[in-house]
Amino acid sequence: MANFSTDDLKRLQSNLKRLPEAGITKSHKYNAKATEVDFIKFPSIAEAEYYKHLKQLMAACLVRMFHRQVRFDLPGGTYCTVDFMVFCDDGTGHEEIQYIDVKGKVTASYKRNRKQVLDLYGIEIISKFYDYKNREFYEKSGL
C-alpha cells in the first residue's frame, strides 16, 4: 500500500482539476457530444435540438408544455427514462400526451425497456432520430 503525503494528495487533486482544461474528458460510449441550451446540459446534440424544436412548437401553440427526463420504474429495481413527455393540442380541444426518446442508436436494452413500459403502463414510447445533414427528426418503424 502506497503512503502519500499531504503535499502529494494536494498535487494529485490539483492535477485532476486540470484534466478538462487539458482537453481530457470522459467520452460518451456512443460518441454523443454533450451540449448546453438555455443553461440546460444535454447528453447529445440531437436531444438539445429536439428541445429547441419543442420550444418552437410551444411558441406556435402546438405544444402546451413538456417535461424532461421522465422516469418509469420497471421490475427488478430498474427503470426507463424517456427524454420528453409532451402535452400536445390535437386541434380539437383534446390533449394528447406523447413520450419521446431521442435516439442515436437503438440497443437491445432500449428495446426491452420500451416493451416493458408498453406492457406495464400501456404507454408507447416514440423513438425520434436526428438527421444531422438535413437538420430534421424522423421516426423508425419496427423497433
Protein backbone atom coordinates (compact mmCIF):
# COMPACT_ATOMS: atom_id res chain seq x y z
CA MET A 1 0.00 0.00 0.00
CA ALA A 2 1.39 3.39 -1.00
CA ASN A 3 1.72 6.14 1.54
CA PHE A 4 1.05 9.63 0.23
CA SER A 5 1.99 12.82 1.95
CA THR A 6 -0.43 15.72 2.28
CA ASP A 7 1.52 17.57 -0.42
CA ASP A 8 1.25 14.57 -2.77
CA LEU A 9 -2.53 14.46 -2.32
CA LYS A 10 -2.87 18.21 -2.93
CA ARG A 11 -0.80 17.91 -6.11
CA LEU A 12 -2.94 14.98 -7.30
CA GLN A 13 -6.18 16.89 -6.64
CA SER A 14 -4.81 19.91 -8.48
CA ASN A 15 -3.88 17.75 -11.49
CA LEU A 16 -7.30 16.10 -11.56
CA LYS A 17 -8.99 19.51 -11.67
CA ARG A 18 -6.88 20.44 -14.70
CA LEU A 19 -7.87 17.41 -16.81
CA PRO A 20 -10.82 19.18 -18.52
CA GLU A 21 -8.59 22.20 -19.21
CA ALA A 22 -6.13 19.89 -20.96
CA GLY A 23 -8.91 18.54 -23.15
CA ILE A 24 -9.08 15.23 -21.29
CA THR A 25 -12.70 14.41 -20.64
CA LYS A 26 -14.75 11.28 -20.31
CA SER A 27 -16.22 10.39 -23.69
CA HIS A 28 -19.75 9.14 -24.27
CA LYS A 29 -19.97 5.43 -25.06
CA TYR A 30 -21.88 6.14 -28.30
CA ASN A 31 -19.78 9.20 -29.25
CA ALA A 32 -22.59 11.64 -28.45
CA LYS A 33 -21.41 15.19 -27.91
CA ALA A 34 -22.78 16.89 -24.84
CA THR A 35 -24.15 20.38 -25.40
CA GLU A 36 -25.92 23.12 -23.48
CA VAL A 37 -29.03 25.10 -24.39
CA ASP A 38 -30.78 27.60 -22.09
CA PHE A 39 -28.35 26.66 -19.29
CA ILE A 40 -29.54 23.03 -19.53
CA LYS A 41 -26.95 20.34 -20.23
CA PHE A 42 -27.96 17.70 -22.74
CA PRO A 43 -26.06 14.44 -23.31
CA SER A 44 -26.29 14.82 -27.10
CA ILE A 45 -26.71 17.42 -29.80
CA ALA A 46 -29.79 15.55 -31.05
CA GLU A 47 -31.55 15.81 -27.67
CA ALA A 48 -30.70 19.52 -27.46
CA GLU A 49 -32.05 20.06 -30.98
CA TYR A 50 -35.31 18.29 -30.06
CA TYR A 51 -35.60 20.54 -27.01
CA LYS A 52 -35.29 23.58 -29.29
CA HIS A 53 -37.86 22.01 -31.65
CA LEU A 54 -40.32 21.62 -28.76
CA LYS A 55 -39.81 25.24 -27.75
CA GLN A 56 -40.70 26.29 -31.33
CA LEU A 57 -43.84 24.12 -31.18
CA MET A 58 -44.78 25.79 -27.88
CA ALA A 59 -44.37 29.21 -29.47
CA ALA A 60 -46.69 28.07 -32.27
CA CYS A 61 -49.22 26.82 -29.64
CA LEU A 62 -48.97 23.24 -30.93
CA VAL A 63 -47.43 22.03 -27.67
CA ARG A 64 -48.78 23.25 -24.33
CA MET A 65 -45.82 22.10 -22.23
CA PHE A 66 -43.27 19.35 -21.85
CA HIS A 67 -41.22 17.65 -19.15
CA ARG A 68 -37.69 16.33 -19.50
CA GLN A 69 -36.25 13.03 -18.24
CA VAL A 70 -39.44 11.23 -17.22
CA ARG A 71 -38.73 8.01 -15.36
CA PHE A 72 -40.71 4.76 -15.42
CA ASP A 73 -39.94 2.20 -12.73
CA LEU A 74 -39.57 -1.33 -14.08
CA PRO A 75 -39.40 -4.75 -12.39
CA GLY A 76 -36.16 -5.78 -10.77
CA GLY A 77 -35.33 -2.32 -9.47
CA THR A 78 -34.57 -0.97 -12.94
CA TYR A 79 -36.09 1.97 -14.75
CA CYS A 80 -36.54 3.51 -18.16
CA THR A 81 -36.10 7.25 -18.63
CA VAL A 82 -37.62 8.93 -21.66
CA ASP A 83 -36.23 12.25 -22.80
CA PHE A 84 -39.51 14.15 -23.13
CA MET A 85 -43.15 13.90 -22.06
CA VAL A 86 -45.01 16.26 -24.41
CA PHE A 87 -48.53 17.65 -23.93
CA CYS A 88 -49.89 18.33 -27.44
CA ASP A 89 -53.09 20.01 -28.57
CA ASP A 90 -54.61 17.78 -31.25
CA GLY A 91 -56.60 20.69 -32.73
CA THR A 92 -59.97 19.51 -31.41
CA GLY A 93 -59.51 20.76 -27.88
CA HIS A 94 -58.30 17.38 -26.63
CA GLU A 95 -54.85 16.94 -25.22
CA GLU A 96 -52.57 14.14 -26.28
CA ILE A 97 -49.53 13.07 -24.27
CA GLN A 98 -46.53 11.76 -26.18
CA TYR A 99 -43.48 10.11 -24.69
CA ILE A 100 -40.45 10.86 -26.85
CA ASP A 101 -36.99 9.34 -26.67
CA VAL A 102 -34.34 10.87 -28.91
CA LYS A 103 -32.02 8.10 -30.04
CA GLY A 104 -28.75 7.86 -31.87
CA LYS A 105 -28.54 4.10 -31.60
CA VAL A 106 -31.13 1.51 -30.64
CA THR A 107 -29.79 -1.05 -28.19
CA ALA A 108 -31.26 -4.35 -27.02
CA SER A 109 -31.80 -2.90 -23.53
CA TYR A 110 -33.70 0.05 -25.01
CA LYS A 111 -35.98 -2.31 -26.95
CA ARG A 112 -36.57 -4.39 -23.82
CA ASN A 113 -37.30 -1.33 -21.64
CA ARG A 114 -39.58 0.15 -24.28
CA LYS A 115 -41.58 -3.09 -24.43
CA GLN A 116 -41.80 -3.28 -20.62
CA VAL A 117 -43.14 0.29 -20.42
CA LEU A 118 -45.78 -0.64 -23.01
CA ASP A 119 -46.71 -3.85 -21.16
CA LEU A 120 -46.77 -2.33 -17.66
CA TYR A 121 -48.10 1.17 -18.30
CA GLY A 122 -49.76 0.93 -21.71
CA ILE A 123 -47.51 3.74 -22.95
CA GLU A 124 -45.94 3.71 -26.39
CA ILE A 125 -42.55 5.43 -26.44
CA ILE A 126 -41.90 7.25 -29.72
CA SER A 127 -38.29 6.98 -30.87
CA LYS A 128 -37.01 10.05 -32.70
CA PHE A 129 -33.79 10.11 -34.69
CA TYR A 130 -31.94 13.22 -35.85
CA ASP A 131 -30.71 13.64 -39.41
CA TYR A 132 -27.70 15.91 -38.89
CA LYS A 133 -27.35 16.65 -42.61
CA ASN A 134 -30.94 17.81 -43.15
CA ARG A 135 -31.38 19.02 -39.55
CA GLU A 136 -34.71 17.24 -39.07
CA PHE A 137 -36.18 14.45 -36.97
CA TYR A 138 -37.69 11.20 -38.18
CA GLU A 139 -39.16 8.03 -36.70
CA LYS A 140 -38.26 4.43 -37.45
CA SER A 141 -40.91 1.77 -37.50
CA GLY A 142 -40.43 -1.81 -36.37
CA LEU A 143 -38.34 -1.17 -33.26
